[in-house]
Amino acid sequence: MFFRDVVGQKEVKRRLIKSVSEGRVSHSLLFTGPEGTGKLALALAYAQYISCRNRGEDDSCGTCPSCRKFQKLAHPDLHFVFPVFKTKNLKEPVSDDFISQWREFVLKSSYFTLNQWLAYLNVENAQGMIYQKESESILKKLNLKSFESEYKTMIIWLPEKMHSHCSNKLLKMIEEPPNKTLFLMITEDEEQVISTVRSRAQLLKVPAIDNVAMSEALGKLNGFDTSTITEVVALANGSYIKALEYLSPDEEKFFFFSKIQELMRLAYKVNILGLIEWADELSGIGREKQKSFFQYALRLAREYFMLNLRSEKLACLNTKEKEWGRDFSPFVNERNITQMSADFDLAYKHISSNGNPRIIFLDIALRMAKMIRR
């Protein structure tokens, strides 16, 4: 991964490159910021730059043996930790059990969500986690001498998904790592990373991507005119992942939108039998998708409230969402938006806490039937 391949983030790139040129490489960095801003891409580019044998002033060379291996994510001194899931044959999985799929997935694009990663693995009803056994694998790898590079680099994607026992076992190593060992951690939710890990890492805040850089990146894609890109940049709010989703919505987003429409129609008619069937269907789609559904529902509720206030320019909605919202938005108003948002947010938390999905979805359906006519 090259710095030039990272969308925007000129200031963050400058800081990372300067830390190498001045010999001030921190042994532990925590990349934090909104989803879709390129944190993983920056970590990969930084790791490649540090190990490059002929690095330039603003990027790695791309031709030395180290760079060629990094571009395949197969350098012997580059290690990864990321959320995985248990299977019938893997009761105590570690990242290395899925490393070939990880490399293949990341090489396609370093901009993705946890749900997209788990969908790639065909996870059905499991939540991705970094399990306790992972700490043993990390300690074993990092206590070895580096093979080729000056630094051994451990990239931990989403440390907030790390089991507490795993985190606690790693604290000493993160605080006092072996010589020339580099921890690069990428989080989507800094507050969920345990405080003892946060306190041992240097925080690197990655801001939203600026509109100019976003427009330039999207302009390199084929099949989209200038007006479409301008609209998408406004909707994406600095997230390259959201921009790609707006340009080419995946099946999941179409599914979520159709289920929101179905929920509201059934709720308006107070069709209890239909709401029960709706809840039964959503309770079987898998926990990560269920969490994504409630995040999507919460966003739509807020945007439709803005639309109801006749603030169409401020409503971040794609064409289909906006068309349907012109008729539906009057039902999201000052009398119910606070409660509706709170209900979707609480449902998300209950799903995250392994609550019974059928009860959660039925409860939200009945609540919508009660408040949609307010």
Protein backbone atom coordinates (compact mmCIF):
# COMPACT_ATOMS: atom_id res chain seq x y z
CA MET A 1 0.00 0.00 0.00
CA PHE A 2 1.33 3.42 -0.95
CA PHE A 3 0.54 6.74 0.73
CA ARG A 4 -0.55 8.00 -2.68
CA ASP A 5 -3.29 5.34 -2.74
CA VAL A 6 -4.85 6.68 0.48
CA VAL A 7 -7.72 9.06 -0.25
CA GLY A 8 -6.93 12.53 1.10
CA GLN A 9 -5.41 12.77 4.61
CA LYS A 10 -2.42 14.92 3.53
CA GLU A 11 -1.72 16.13 7.06
CA VAL A 12 -1.81 12.64 8.60
CA LYS A 13 0.51 11.33 5.87
CA ARG A 14 2.89 14.22 6.50
CA ARG A 15 3.01 13.47 10.22
CA LEU A 16 3.67 9.77 9.67
CA ILE A 17 6.42 10.37 7.11
CA LYS A 18 8.02 13.02 9.33
CA SER A 19 8.11 10.62 12.29
CA VAL A 20 10.17 8.19 10.20
CA SER A 21 12.54 10.80 8.75
CA GLU A 22 13.20 12.22 12.22
CA GLY A 23 13.60 8.79 13.84
CA ARG A 24 10.61 9.28 16.15
CA VAL A 25 8.69 6.11 15.33
CA SER A 26 6.26 5.36 18.16
CA HIS A 27 6.18 1.73 19.19
CA SER A 28 2.38 1.82 19.53
CA LEU A 29 -0.06 3.89 17.47
CA LEU A 30 -3.84 3.92 17.76
CA PHE A 31 -5.49 5.17 14.56
CA THR A 32 -8.89 6.55 15.52
CA GLY A 33 -11.60 8.45 13.68
CA PRO A 34 -14.85 8.01 11.75
CA GLU A 35 -15.50 4.92 9.66
CA GLY A 36 -14.34 5.08 6.06
CA THR A 37 -11.59 7.67 6.50
CA GLY A 38 -8.72 5.35 5.53
CA LYS A 39 -7.23 4.33 8.87
CA LEU A 40 -6.32 0.80 7.77
CA ALA A 41 -4.98 2.11 4.45
CA LEU A 42 -2.77 4.60 6.34
CA ALA A 43 -1.47 1.88 8.67
CA LEU A 44 -0.58 -0.37 5.72
CA ALA A 45 1.14 2.48 3.86
CA TYR A 46 3.04 3.48 7.01
CA ALA A 47 4.21 -0.08 7.67
CA GLN A 48 5.39 -0.42 4.06
CA TYR A 49 7.17 2.94 4.21
CA ILE A 50 9.04 2.07 7.41
CA SER A 51 10.31 -1.21 5.95
CA CYS A 52 11.12 0.19 2.49
CA ARG A 53 14.83 -0.04 1.66
CA ASN A 54 14.79 2.90 -0.75
CA ARG A 55 12.08 5.13 0.67
CA GLY A 56 11.49 8.51 -0.92
CA GLU A 57 10.56 11.81 0.66
CA ASP A 58 6.82 11.16 0.43
CA ASP A 59 6.33 7.44 -0.29
CA SER A 60 7.91 4.00 -0.39
CA CYS A 61 9.73 2.96 -3.57
CA GLY A 62 7.49 0.05 -4.54
CA THR A 63 10.31 -1.86 -6.20
CA CYS A 64 12.55 -3.17 -3.41
CA PRO A 65 12.00 -6.75 -2.16
CA SER A 66 10.33 -5.45 1.01
CA CYS A 67 7.78 -3.30 -0.88
CA ARG A 68 6.93 -6.13 -3.27
CA LYS A 69 6.15 -8.42 -0.34
CA PHE A 70 4.17 -5.72 1.45
CA GLN A 71 2.07 -5.19 -1.66
CA LYS A 72 1.05 -8.84 -1.39
CA LEU A 73 0.61 -8.51 2.42
CA ALA A 74 3.01 -11.43 2.67
CA HIS A 75 6.08 -9.89 4.29
CA PRO A 76 7.44 -12.20 7.04
CA ASP A 77 7.69 -9.27 9.49
CA LEU A 78 4.14 -8.07 8.89
CA HIS A 79 1.51 -9.63 11.13
CA PHE A 80 -2.25 -9.13 11.38
CA VAL A 81 -4.90 -9.48 14.06
CA PHE A 82 -8.58 -9.02 13.18
CA PRO A 83 -12.02 -10.27 14.28
CA VAL A 84 -12.81 -13.88 13.41
CA PHE A 85 -15.51 -16.36 14.41
CA LYS A 86 -15.86 -19.87 15.76
CA THR A 87 -16.73 -22.80 13.50
CA LYS A 88 -17.35 -26.49 14.07
CA ASN A 89 -13.70 -27.19 13.40
CA LEU A 90 -12.31 -24.06 15.05
CA LYS A 91 -13.35 -23.73 18.67
CA GLU A 92 -10.52 -21.33 19.50
CA PRO A 93 -9.86 -19.47 16.24
CA VAL A 94 -7.02 -17.02 15.69
CA SER A 95 -6.41 -14.61 12.82
CA ASP A 96 -3.90 -16.93 11.15
CA ASP A 97 -6.72 -19.40 10.54
CA PHE A 98 -8.26 -16.85 8.15
CA ILE A 99 -5.12 -15.10 6.88
CA SER A 100 -5.47 -16.19 3.24
CA GLN A 101 -9.05 -14.83 3.08
CA TRP A 102 -7.91 -11.64 4.84
CA ARG A 103 -5.13 -10.98 2.35
CA GLU A 104 -7.42 -11.63 -0.58
CA PHE A 105 -10.11 -9.33 0.84
CA VAL A 106 -7.82 -6.44 1.83
CA LEU A 107 -5.98 -6.52 -1.48
CA LYS A 108 -9.28 -5.83 -3.25
CA SER A 109 -9.82 -2.70 -1.14
CA SER A 110 -8.56 -1.48 2.22
CA TYR A 111 -11.81 0.48 2.74
CA PHE A 112 -14.43 -1.80 4.28
CA THR A 113 -16.57 -2.41 7.36
CA LEU A 114 -16.64 -5.26 9.84
CA ASN A 115 -19.94 -6.40 8.41
CA GLN A 116 -18.48 -6.54 4.90
CA TRP A 117 -15.54 -8.59 6.18
CA LEU A 118 -17.80 -11.06 7.98
CA ALA A 119 -20.11 -11.29 4.96
CA TYR A 120 -17.06 -12.20 2.88
CA LEU A 121 -16.45 -15.08 5.31
CA ASN A 122 -20.13 -16.13 5.02
CA VAL A 123 -20.74 -15.58 8.71
CA GLU A 124 -24.40 -16.17 9.51
CA ASN A 125 -25.25 -15.65 13.17
CA ALA A 126 -21.88 -14.91 14.76
CA GLN A 127 -20.27 -11.68 15.87
CA GLY A 128 -16.65 -11.16 14.96
CA MET A 129 -14.24 -11.25 17.90
CA ILE A 130 -10.55 -11.37 18.68
CA TYR A 131 -10.49 -14.33 21.04
CA GLN A 132 -8.37 -15.05 24.08
CA LYS A 133 -6.06 -17.48 22.28
CA GLU A 134 -4.95 -14.70 19.93
CA SER A 135 -2.71 -13.28 22.66
CA GLU A 136 -0.59 -16.44 22.64
CA SER A 137 -0.14 -16.16 18.88
CA ILE A 138 0.87 -12.48 19.15
CA LEU A 139 3.37 -13.08 21.95
CA LYS A 140 4.93 -15.97 20.07
CA LYS A 141 5.37 -13.98 16.85
CA LEU A 142 6.72 -10.82 18.40
CA ASN A 143 9.22 -12.54 20.66
CA LEU A 144 10.99 -13.85 17.57
CA LYS A 145 13.68 -11.82 15.82
CA SER A 146 12.70 -9.96 12.68
CA PHE A 147 13.40 -11.87 9.47
CA GLU A 148 14.19 -9.13 6.97
CA SER A 149 13.06 -5.67 8.12
CA GLU A 150 14.34 -3.41 10.84
CA TYR A 151 10.87 -3.52 12.44
CA LYS A 152 8.36 -6.24 13.20
CA THR A 153 4.89 -4.76 12.60
CA MET A 154 1.68 -5.99 14.20
CA ILE A 155 -1.49 -4.45 12.72
CA ILE A 156 -4.52 -4.95 14.97
CA TRP A 157 -7.76 -4.10 13.20
CA LEU A 158 -10.60 -3.25 15.62
CA PRO A 159 -8.98 -3.79 19.05
CA GLU A 160 -12.38 -2.94 20.57
CA LYS A 161 -13.41 -6.45 19.49
CA MET A 162 -10.66 -8.00 21.56
CA HIS A 163 -11.61 -10.35 24.39
CA SER A 164 -10.70 -8.81 27.76
CA HIS A 165 -8.37 -11.70 28.67
CA CYS A 166 -6.55 -11.21 25.38
CA SER A 167 -6.20 -7.45 25.98
CA ASN A 168 -4.90 -7.95 29.51
CA LYS A 169 -2.27 -10.44 28.37
CA LEU A 170 -0.97 -7.97 25.80
CA LEU A 171 -0.71 -4.93 28.07
CA LYS A 172 2.88 -5.54 29.13
CA MET A 173 4.03 -6.12 25.55
CA ILE A 174 2.25 -3.03 24.25
CA GLU A 175 3.81 -0.95 27.01
CA GLU A 176 7.31 -2.43 26.70
CA PRO A 177 7.51 -4.26 23.37
CA PRO A 178 10.59 -6.13 22.16
CA ASN A 179 13.12 -3.92 20.40
CA LYS A 180 12.04 -2.64 16.96
CA THR A 181 8.46 -3.85 17.35
CA LEU A 182 5.61 -1.72 16.10
CA PHE A 183 1.93 -1.97 17.11
CA LEU A 184 -0.50 -0.28 14.73
CA MET A 185 -4.08 -0.46 16.02
CA ILE A 186 -7.09 0.71 14.02
CA THR A 187 -10.32 1.43 15.86
CA GLU A 188 -13.79 2.55 14.76
CA ASP A 189 -14.85 3.21 18.36
CA GLU A 190 -12.08 4.56 20.56
CA GLU A 191 -14.22 4.55 23.71
CA GLN A 192 -14.76 0.79 23.41
CA VAL A 193 -11.02 0.07 23.46
CA ILE A 194 -10.13 -0.72 27.06
CA SER A 195 -8.54 2.26 28.78
CA THR A 196 -5.35 0.41 29.73
CA VAL A 197 -4.64 -0.26 26.04
CA ARG A 198 -5.56 3.31 25.00
CA SER A 199 -3.25 4.77 27.63
CA ARG A 200 -0.30 2.77 26.30
CA ALA A 201 -0.69 3.92 22.70
CA GLN A 202 -0.08 7.21 20.97
CA LEU A 203 -3.37 8.49 19.59
CA LEU A 204 -3.48 9.44 15.91
CA LYS A 205 -6.79 11.04 14.98
CA VAL A 206 -7.78 10.56 11.34
CA PRO A 207 -10.38 13.16 10.29
CA ALA A 208 -13.12 12.91 7.69
CA ILE A 209 -11.85 13.03 4.11
CA ASP A 210 -12.08 16.51 2.60
CA ASN A 211 -14.50 17.03 -0.29
CA VAL A 212 -11.84 17.89 -2.85
CA ALA A 213 -9.88 14.69 -2.25
CA MET A 214 -13.10 12.67 -2.20
CA SER A 215 -14.21 14.14 -5.52
CA GLU A 216 -10.83 13.40 -7.11
CA ALA A 217 -10.91 9.78 -5.91
CA LEU A 218 -14.47 9.17 -7.08
CA GLY A 219 -13.72 10.90 -10.37
CA LYS A 220 -11.21 8.14 -11.17
CA LEU A 221 -14.00 5.56 -11.08
CA ASN A 222 -15.73 4.73 -14.34
CA GLY A 223 -19.39 5.30 -15.15
CA PHE A 224 -20.30 8.28 -12.94
CA ASP A 225 -20.91 11.83 -14.11
CA THR A 226 -19.86 14.99 -12.29
CA SER A 227 -23.31 15.78 -10.89
CA THR A 228 -23.65 12.30 -9.38
CA ILE A 229 -20.21 12.53 -7.77
CA THR A 230 -21.00 15.98 -6.36
CA GLU A 231 -24.20 14.64 -4.77
CA VAL A 232 -22.44 11.58 -3.37
CA VAL A 233 -19.62 13.65 -1.85
CA ALA A 234 -22.22 15.72 0.02
CA LEU A 235 -23.97 12.57 1.26
CA ALA A 236 -20.82 10.66 2.26
CA ASN A 237 -19.84 13.15 4.97
CA GLY A 238 -16.14 12.38 4.60
CA SER A 239 -16.43 8.57 4.46
CA TYR A 240 -15.08 6.82 1.36
CA ILE A 241 -16.97 3.66 2.33
CA LYS A 242 -20.27 5.53 2.40
CA ALA A 243 -19.43 7.21 -0.91
CA LEU A 244 -18.91 3.84 -2.57
CA GLU A 245 -22.15 2.56 -1.05
CA TYR A 246 -24.09 5.55 -2.39
CA LEU A 247 -22.59 5.08 -5.85
CA SER A 248 -23.20 1.33 -5.92
CA PRO A 249 -25.54 0.20 -3.14
CA ASP A 250 -25.03 -3.43 -2.25
CA GLU A 251 -27.78 -6.00 -1.74
CA GLU A 252 -27.68 -5.48 2.01
CA LYS A 253 -28.62 -1.79 1.76
CA PHE A 254 -31.45 -2.57 -0.67
CA PHE A 255 -32.67 -5.22 1.76
CA PHE A 256 -32.52 -2.87 4.76
CA PHE A 257 -34.40 -0.16 2.90
CA SER A 258 -37.13 -2.55 1.79
CA LYS A 259 -37.51 -3.85 5.37
CA ILE A 260 -37.82 -0.31 6.74
CA GLN A 261 -40.54 0.40 4.19
CA GLU A 262 -42.31 -2.82 5.09
CA LEU A 263 -42.07 -2.10 8.83
CA MET A 264 -43.56 1.37 8.51
CA ARG A 265 -46.41 0.24 6.26
CA LEU A 266 -47.33 -2.60 8.61
CA ALA A 267 -47.00 -0.29 11.62
CA TYR A 268 -49.27 2.32 10.06
CA LYS A 269 -51.93 -0.34 9.36
CA VAL A 270 -51.35 -1.87 12.83
CA ASN A 271 -51.05 -5.24 11.10
CA ILE A 272 -49.97 -7.28 14.12
CA LEU A 273 -49.70 -10.59 12.27
CA GLY A 274 -47.59 -8.91 9.59
CA LEU A 275 -45.36 -7.30 12.22
CA ILE A 276 -44.80 -10.67 13.88
CA GLU A 277 -43.79 -12.20 10.55
CA TRP A 278 -41.53 -9.22 9.89
CA ALA A 279 -39.82 -9.69 13.28
CA ASP A 280 -39.38 -13.42 12.65
CA GLU A 281 -37.64 -12.75 9.34
CA LEU A 282 -35.27 -10.10 10.72
CA SER A 283 -34.41 -12.24 13.75
CA GLY A 284 -32.76 -14.78 11.46
CA ILE A 285 -30.37 -12.63 9.43
CA GLY A 286 -27.37 -12.78 11.78
CA ARG A 287 -26.28 -10.45 14.58
CA GLU A 288 -23.84 -8.28 12.64
CA LYS A 289 -26.49 -7.62 9.97
CA GLN A 290 -29.06 -6.95 12.68
CA LYS A 291 -26.76 -4.34 14.24
CA SER A 292 -26.20 -2.77 10.82
CA PHE A 293 -29.96 -2.71 10.25
CA PHE A 294 -30.59 -0.70 13.42
CA GLN A 295 -27.76 1.69 12.56
CA TYR A 296 -29.35 2.17 9.15
CA ALA A 297 -32.83 2.63 10.66
CA LEU A 298 -31.50 5.22 13.11
CA ARG A 299 -29.85 7.17 10.31
CA LEU A 300 -33.00 7.10 8.16
CA ALA A 301 -35.17 8.30 11.04
CA ARG A 302 -32.90 11.30 11.60
CA GLU A 303 -32.65 12.14 7.91
CA TYR A 304 -36.42 11.88 7.40
CA PHE A 305 -36.93 14.21 10.32
CA MET A 306 -34.70 16.73 8.53
CA LEU A 307 -36.73 16.18 5.37
CA ASN A 308 -39.92 16.79 7.34
CA LEU A 309 -38.48 20.11 8.47
CA ARG A 310 -38.14 21.01 4.78
CA SER A 311 -34.36 20.82 5.03
CA GLU A 312 -33.94 18.65 1.94
CA LYS A 313 -30.44 19.96 1.28
CA LEU A 314 -29.33 18.86 4.75
CA ALA A 315 -30.87 15.37 4.47
CA CYS A 316 -28.19 12.82 3.52
CA LEU A 317 -30.34 10.48 1.44
CA ASN A 318 -29.82 8.71 -1.86
CA THR A 319 -32.35 9.07 -4.67
CA LYS A 320 -34.59 6.13 -3.70
CA GLU A 321 -34.55 7.05 -0.01
CA LYS A 322 -35.40 10.66 -0.82
CA GLU A 323 -38.24 9.76 -3.21
CA TRP A 324 -39.94 7.53 -0.66
CA GLY A 325 -39.16 9.99 2.13
CA ARG A 326 -41.16 12.78 0.52
CA ASP A 327 -44.33 10.82 1.33
CA PHE A 328 -43.14 9.15 4.53
CA SER A 329 -41.22 11.96 6.28
CA PRO A 330 -44.37 13.68 7.68
CA PHE A 331 -44.72 10.63 9.94
CA VAL A 332 -41.31 11.34 11.49
CA ASN A 333 -41.90 14.52 13.42
CA GLU A 334 -41.16 16.41 16.62
CA ARG A 335 -43.67 14.26 18.53
CA ASN A 336 -41.94 10.95 17.92
CA ILE A 337 -38.37 11.46 16.61
CA THR A 338 -36.76 11.46 20.05
CA GLN A 339 -38.46 8.23 21.12
CA MET A 340 -37.96 6.59 17.71
CA SER A 341 -34.23 7.32 17.76
CA ALA A 342 -33.92 6.11 21.34
CA ASP A 343 -35.74 2.87 20.51
CA PHE A 344 -33.52 2.07 17.52
CA ASP A 345 -30.41 2.91 19.53
CA LEU A 346 -31.51 0.71 22.44
CA ALA A 347 -32.35 -2.16 20.10
CA TYR A 348 -28.83 -1.92 18.66
CA LYS A 349 -27.33 -2.13 22.16
CA HIS A 350 -29.51 -5.11 23.07
CA ILE A 351 -28.46 -6.98 19.92
CA SER A 352 -24.81 -6.16 20.71
CA SER A 353 -25.33 -7.63 24.17
CA ASN A 354 -26.60 -10.91 22.70
CA GLY A 355 -30.24 -10.24 23.51
CA ASN A 356 -32.95 -12.43 21.99
CA PRO A 357 -33.35 -11.01 18.46
CA ARG A 358 -36.92 -12.18 18.00
CA ILE A 359 -38.06 -10.37 21.14
CA ILE A 360 -36.04 -7.26 20.21
CA PHE A 361 -37.43 -7.02 16.68
CA LEU A 362 -41.00 -7.72 17.77
CA ASP A 363 -40.69 -5.08 20.48
CA ILE A 364 -39.42 -2.47 18.00
CA ALA A 365 -42.19 -3.37 15.55
CA LEU A 366 -44.92 -2.89 18.15
CA ARG A 367 -43.35 0.35 19.32
CA MET A 368 -43.39 1.68 15.75
CA ALA A 369 -47.09 0.77 15.46
CA LYS A 370 -47.76 2.79 18.59
CA MET A 371 -45.82 5.93 17.65
CA ILE A 372 -46.06 6.19 13.84
CA ARG A 373 -49.48 7.86 14.00
CA ARG A 374 -48.42 10.50 16.55
